[in-house]
C-alpha atoms as a PDB file:
ATOM      1  CA  SER A   1     102.324 -92.609 104.387  1.00  0.00           C
ATOM      2  CA  ASP A   2     102.350 -89.511 102.024  1.00  0.00           C
ATOM      3  CA  LEU A   3     103.370 -87.045 105.170  1.00  0.00           C
ATOM      4  CA  GLY A   4     106.043 -89.396 105.889  1.00  0.00           C
ATOM      5  CA  ALA A   5     107.525 -89.143 102.564  1.00  0.00           C
ATOM      6  CA  VAL A   6     106.981 -85.098 102.740  1.00  0.00           C
ATOM      7  CA  LEU A   7     108.997 -85.151 105.809  1.00  0.00           C
ATOM      8  CA  SER A   8     111.759 -87.352 104.971  1.00  0.00           C
ATOM      9  CA  VAL A   9     112.231 -85.044 101.661  1.00  0.00           C
ATOM     10  CA  LEU A  10     112.521 -81.791 103.909  1.00  0.00           C
ATOM     11  CA  VAL A  11     114.887 -83.602 106.151  1.00  0.00           C
ATOM     12  CA  LEU A  12     117.274 -84.136 102.743  1.00  0.00           C
ATOM     13  CA  LEU A  13     116.433 -80.312 101.779  1.00  0.00           C
ATOM     14  CA  ALA A  14     117.515 -79.099 105.042  1.00  0.00           C
ATOM     15  CA  ILE A  15     120.975 -81.252 104.979  1.00  0.00           C
ATOM     16  CA  ALA A  16     121.382 -80.269 101.082  1.00  0.00           C
ATOM     17  CA  MET A  17     120.304 -76.406 102.089  1.00  0.00           C
ATOM     18  CA  LEU A  18     123.129 -76.472 105.526  1.00  0.00           C
ATOM     19  CA  VAL A  19     125.598 -78.195 103.453  1.00  0.00           C
ATOM     20  CA  GLY A  20     125.198 -75.973 100.515  1.00  0.00           C
ATOM     21  CA  ALA A  21     125.379 -72.470 102.790  1.00  0.00           C
ATOM     22  CA  PHE A  22     128.694 -73.756 104.193  1.00  0.00           C
ATOM     23  CA  PHE A  23     130.410 -74.690 100.872  1.00  0.00           C
ATOM     24  CA  LEU A  24     128.858 -71.253  99.921  1.00  0.00           C
ATOM     25  CA  TRP A  25     130.733 -69.939 102.855  1.00  0.00           C
ATOM     26  CA  ARG A  26     133.891 -71.531 102.113  1.00  0.00           C
ATOM     27  CA  ARG A  27     134.120 -69.927  98.708  1.00  0.00           C
ATOM     28  CA  GLY A  28     133.561 -66.579  99.834  1.00  0.00           C
ATOM     29  CA  GLY A  29     129.996 -66.404  98.470  1.00  0.00           C
ATOM     30  CA  PRO A  30     127.468 -63.867  99.338  1.00  0.00           C
ATOM     31  CA  ARG A  31     126.966 -63.343 103.119  1.00  0.00           C
ATOM     32  CA  ARG A  32     122.890 -62.870 102.465  1.00  0.00           C
ATOM     33  CA  GLN A  33     122.637 -65.700 100.668  1.00  0.00           C
ATOM     34  CA  ILE A  34     124.124 -68.223 102.830  1.00  0.00           C
ATOM     35  CA  VAL A  35     122.521 -66.710 106.073  1.00  0.00           C
ATOM     36  CA  LEU A  36     118.702 -67.411 104.152  1.00  0.00           C
ATOM     37  CA  MET A  37     120.107 -70.920 103.294  1.00  0.00           C
ATOM     38  CA  VAL A  38     121.238 -71.428 106.844  1.00  0.00           C
ATOM     39  CA  ILE A  39     117.875 -69.947 108.029  1.00  0.00           C
ATOM     40  CA  ALA A  40     115.677 -71.964 105.750  1.00  0.00           C
ATOM     41  CA  GLY A  41     117.833 -75.183 106.601  1.00  0.00           C
ATOM     42  CA  VAL A  42     117.104 -74.660 110.189  1.00  0.00           C
ATOM     43  CA  VAL A  43     113.250 -73.957 109.795  1.00  0.00           C
ATOM     44  CA  ALA A  44     112.938 -76.726 108.105  1.00  0.00           C
ATOM     45  CA  ILE A  45     114.409 -78.964 110.447  1.00  0.00           C
ATOM     46  CA  ILE A  46     112.122 -77.063 113.034  1.00  0.00           C
ATOM     47  CA  ASN A  47     109.195 -77.951 111.097  1.00  0.00           C
ATOM     48  CA  VAL A  48     110.175 -81.763 111.070  1.00  0.00           C
ATOM     49  CA  ALA A  49     110.437 -81.917 114.781  1.00  0.00           C
ATOM     50  CA  ILE A  50     107.184 -80.051 115.239  1.00  0.00           C
ATOM     51  CA  TRP A  51     105.369 -82.818 113.615  1.00  0.00           C
ATOM     52  CA  THR A  52     107.726 -85.650 114.741  1.00  0.00           C
ATOM     53  CA  LEU A  53     108.183 -84.903 118.497  1.00  0.00           C
ATOM     54  CA  PRO A  54     105.702 -86.139 120.898  1.00  0.00           C
ATOM     55  CA  THR A  55     103.349 -83.433 122.639  1.00  0.00           C
ATOM     56  CA  ALA A  56     102.184 -83.421 126.375  1.00  0.00           C
ATOM     57  CA  SER A  57      99.540 -86.421 125.363  1.00  0.00           C
ATOM     58  CA  GLY A  58     102.871 -88.494 124.258  1.00  0.00           C
ATOM     59  CA  GLU A  59     101.433 -88.776 120.698  1.00  0.00           C
ATOM     60  CA  ALA A  60     103.468 -87.034 117.991  1.00  0.00           C
ATOM     61  CA  PRO A  61     101.359 -84.840 115.636  1.00  0.00           C
ATOM     62  CA  LEU A  62     102.291 -87.273 112.630  1.00  0.00           C
ATOM     63  CA  ALA A  63     100.873 -90.302 114.146  1.00  0.00           C
ATOM     64  CA  GLN A  64      97.703 -88.244 114.780  1.00  0.00           C
ATOM     65  CA  MET A  65      97.097 -87.334 111.595  1.00  0.00           C
ATOM     66  CA  GLN A  66      98.383 -91.097 110.194  1.00  0.00           C
ATOM     67  CA  LYS A  67      95.068 -92.440 112.079  1.00  0.00           C
ATOM     68  CA  ARG A  68      92.509 -89.983 110.142  1.00  0.00           C
END
């Protein structure tokens, strides 16, 4: 599905942001940019978790959207 593809790209983006922040940190890059990259990566991971983890009803929001 299209939403599944978007979530897959979002996971890849989050991983790239965290790895990039790590390498920038190792090279002594600007601290503000490193922190912002880590925050962006974590926010992306949280968004994927929100869409994929099941709710109290036992169904993930992604599954609910795919039914429509």
